[in-house]
Amino acid sequence: MTKLMQWLLALSVLAGVYFALVLKKIQNQFVDDNEFLVQISPIILLGLFGVYSVVVVLYRTLTFNDCQEAADELQEQIKEAKADLRSKGFKFD
């Protein structure tokens, strides 16, 4: 199952429960007492998803590791390319 399918499944389950509560298909005293919270719960969940997304992006940015071996290899390839271009008559500033 792909990540998109997992998100769509979770979203459809949450939407089903939400509409069942809003349309009073599920009778529950707690839901009746907190009807306003049930109605604004999609906004709350969207805000929580935004906070989660920001935290994940910041965490992965802060823990991004450097690959010194790849940087050294790339610098060596640049030197080789410059030497090859010089041998063909290209002049660097």
C-alpha atoms as a PDB file:
ATOM      1  CA  MET A   1       0.000   0.000   0.000  1.00  0.00           C
ATOM      2  CA  THR A   2       1.458   3.338  -1.005  1.00  0.00           C
ATOM      3  CA  LYS A   3       1.698   6.308   1.321  1.00  0.00           C
ATOM      4  CA  LEU A   4      -0.988   8.106  -0.712  1.00  0.00           C
ATOM      5  CA  MET A   5      -3.382   5.200  -0.240  1.00  0.00           C
ATOM      6  CA  GLN A   6      -2.688   5.173   3.508  1.00  0.00           C
ATOM      7  CA  TRP A   7      -3.456   8.890   3.778  1.00  0.00           C
ATOM      8  CA  LEU A   8      -6.607   8.563   1.664  1.00  0.00           C
ATOM      9  CA  LEU A   9      -7.811   5.639   3.776  1.00  0.00           C
ATOM     10  CA  ALA A  10      -7.241   7.546   7.016  1.00  0.00           C
ATOM     11  CA  LEU A  11      -8.906  10.650   5.584  1.00  0.00           C
ATOM     12  CA  SER A  12     -11.958   8.711   4.421  1.00  0.00           C
ATOM     13  CA  VAL A  13     -12.339   6.986   7.790  1.00  0.00           C
ATOM     14  CA  LEU A  14     -12.097  10.313   9.621  1.00  0.00           C
ATOM     15  CA  ALA A  15     -14.547  11.926   7.191  1.00  0.00           C
ATOM     16  CA  GLY A  16     -17.010   9.061   7.687  1.00  0.00           C
ATOM     17  CA  VAL A  17     -16.886   9.362  11.470  1.00  0.00           C
ATOM     18  CA  TYR A  18     -17.119  13.153  11.285  1.00  0.00           C
ATOM     19  CA  PHE A  19     -20.188  13.156   9.036  1.00  0.00           C
ATOM     20  CA  ALA A  20     -21.839  10.449  11.143  1.00  0.00           C
ATOM     21  CA  LEU A  21     -21.392  12.648  14.216  1.00  0.00           C
ATOM     22  CA  VAL A  22     -22.504  15.880  12.541  1.00  0.00           C
ATOM     23  CA  LEU A  23     -25.579  14.305  10.924  1.00  0.00           C
ATOM     24  CA  LYS A  24     -26.523  12.697  14.264  1.00  0.00           C
ATOM     25  CA  LYS A  25     -26.279   9.128  12.951  1.00  0.00           C
ATOM     26  CA  ILE A  26     -24.359   8.280  16.115  1.00  0.00           C
ATOM     27  CA  GLN A  27     -26.182   9.177  19.319  1.00  0.00           C
ATOM     28  CA  ASN A  28     -23.859   9.943  22.194  1.00  0.00           C
ATOM     29  CA  GLN A  29     -24.256  12.244  25.194  1.00  0.00           C
ATOM     30  CA  PHE A  30     -20.641  13.449  24.972  1.00  0.00           C
ATOM     31  CA  VAL A  31     -21.104  14.413  21.325  1.00  0.00           C
ATOM     32  CA  ASP A  32     -24.355  16.217  22.114  1.00  0.00           C
ATOM     33  CA  ASP A  33     -22.687  18.172  24.932  1.00  0.00           C
ATOM     34  CA  ASN A  34     -19.666  19.122  22.770  1.00  0.00           C
ATOM     35  CA  GLU A  35     -21.348  19.699  19.424  1.00  0.00           C
ATOM     36  CA  PHE A  36     -19.324  22.851  18.716  1.00  0.00           C
ATOM     37  CA  LEU A  37     -16.010  20.998  19.156  1.00  0.00           C
ATOM     38  CA  VAL A  38     -17.214  18.275  16.812  1.00  0.00           C
ATOM     39  CA  GLN A  39     -18.108  20.864  14.196  1.00  0.00           C
ATOM     40  CA  ILE A  40     -14.725  22.642  14.313  1.00  0.00           C
ATOM     41  CA  SER A  41     -12.672  19.444  14.645  1.00  0.00           C
ATOM     42  CA  PRO A  42     -11.601  19.492  10.937  1.00  0.00           C
ATOM     43  CA  ILE A  43     -10.051  22.930  11.468  1.00  0.00           C
ATOM     44  CA  ILE A  44      -8.291  21.710  14.606  1.00  0.00           C
ATOM     45  CA  LEU A  45      -7.005  18.606  12.809  1.00  0.00           C
ATOM     46  CA  LEU A  46      -5.784  20.704   9.879  1.00  0.00           C
ATOM     47  CA  GLY A  47      -3.887  22.972  12.284  1.00  0.00           C
ATOM     48  CA  LEU A  48      -2.346  19.966  14.040  1.00  0.00           C
ATOM     49  CA  PHE A  49      -1.313  18.516  10.674  1.00  0.00           C
ATOM     50  CA  GLY A  50       0.363  21.833   9.821  1.00  0.00           C
ATOM     51  CA  VAL A  51       2.279  21.832  13.101  1.00  0.00           C
ATOM     52  CA  TYR A  52       3.322  18.207  12.515  1.00  0.00           C
ATOM     53  CA  SER A  53       4.521  19.056   8.992  1.00  0.00           C
ATOM     54  CA  VAL A  54       6.600  22.004  10.196  1.00  0.00           C
ATOM     55  CA  VAL A  55       8.166  19.921  12.965  1.00  0.00           C
ATOM     56  CA  VAL A  56       9.070  17.094  10.546  1.00  0.00           C
ATOM     57  CA  VAL A  57      10.608  19.503   8.019  1.00  0.00           C
ATOM     58  CA  LEU A  58      12.634  21.288  10.712  1.00  0.00           C
ATOM     59  CA  TYR A  59      13.798  18.016  12.276  1.00  0.00           C
ATOM     60  CA  ARG A  60      14.916  16.557   8.963  1.00  0.00           C
ATOM     61  CA  THR A  61      16.639  19.811   8.033  1.00  0.00           C
ATOM     62  CA  LEU A  62      18.518  19.974  11.327  1.00  0.00           C
ATOM     63  CA  THR A  63      19.576  16.319  11.192  1.00  0.00           C
ATOM     64  CA  PHE A  64      20.665  16.404   7.538  1.00  0.00           C
ATOM     65  CA  ASN A  65      24.110  14.838   7.392  1.00  0.00           C
ATOM     66  CA  ASP A  66      27.050  15.900   5.269  1.00  0.00           C
ATOM     67  CA  CYS A  67      28.768  13.396   3.027  1.00  0.00           C
ATOM     68  CA  GLN A  68      32.386  14.515   2.983  1.00  0.00           C
ATOM     69  CA  GLU A  69      33.510  11.599   0.793  1.00  0.00           C
ATOM     70  CA  ALA A  70      31.053  12.569  -1.960  1.00  0.00           C
ATOM     71  CA  ALA A  71      32.124  16.224  -1.713  1.00  0.00           C
ATOM     72  CA  ASP A  72      35.783  15.256  -2.054  1.00  0.00           C
ATOM     73  CA  GLU A  73      35.005  13.015  -5.025  1.00  0.00           C
ATOM     74  CA  LEU A  74      33.059  15.805  -6.699  1.00  0.00           C
ATOM     75  CA  GLN A  75      35.914  18.276  -6.173  1.00  0.00           C
ATOM     76  CA  GLU A  76      38.331  15.764  -7.729  1.00  0.00           C
ATOM     77  CA  GLN A  77      36.045  15.351 -10.744  1.00  0.00           C
ATOM     78  CA  ILE A  78      35.887  19.141 -11.132  1.00  0.00           C
ATOM     79  CA  LYS A  79      39.695  19.328 -11.145  1.00  0.00           C
ATOM     80  CA  GLU A  80      39.858  16.569 -13.764  1.00  0.00           C
ATOM     81  CA  ALA A  81      37.269  18.330 -15.944  1.00  0.00           C
ATOM     82  CA  LYS A  82      39.160  21.627 -15.707  1.00  0.00           C
ATOM     83  CA  ALA A  83      42.424  19.914 -16.635  1.00  0.00           C
ATOM     84  CA  ASP A  84      40.726  18.250 -19.599  1.00  0.00           C
ATOM     85  CA  LEU A  85      39.263  21.563 -20.776  1.00  0.00           C
ATOM     86  CA  ARG A  86      42.642  23.301 -20.382  1.00  0.00           C
ATOM     87  CA  SER A  87      44.255  20.628 -22.555  1.00  0.00           C
ATOM     88  CA  LYS A  88      41.649  21.421 -25.219  1.00  0.00           C
ATOM     89  CA  GLY A  89      42.418  25.167 -25.121  1.00  0.00           C
ATOM     90  CA  PHE A  90      39.779  26.542 -22.746  1.00  0.00           C
ATOM     91  CA  LYS A  91      40.999  29.343 -20.461  1.00  0.00           C
ATOM     92  CA  PHE A  92      39.605  29.836 -16.952  1.00  0.00           C
ATOM     93  CA  ASP A  93      39.559  33.243 -15.195  1.00  0.00           C
END
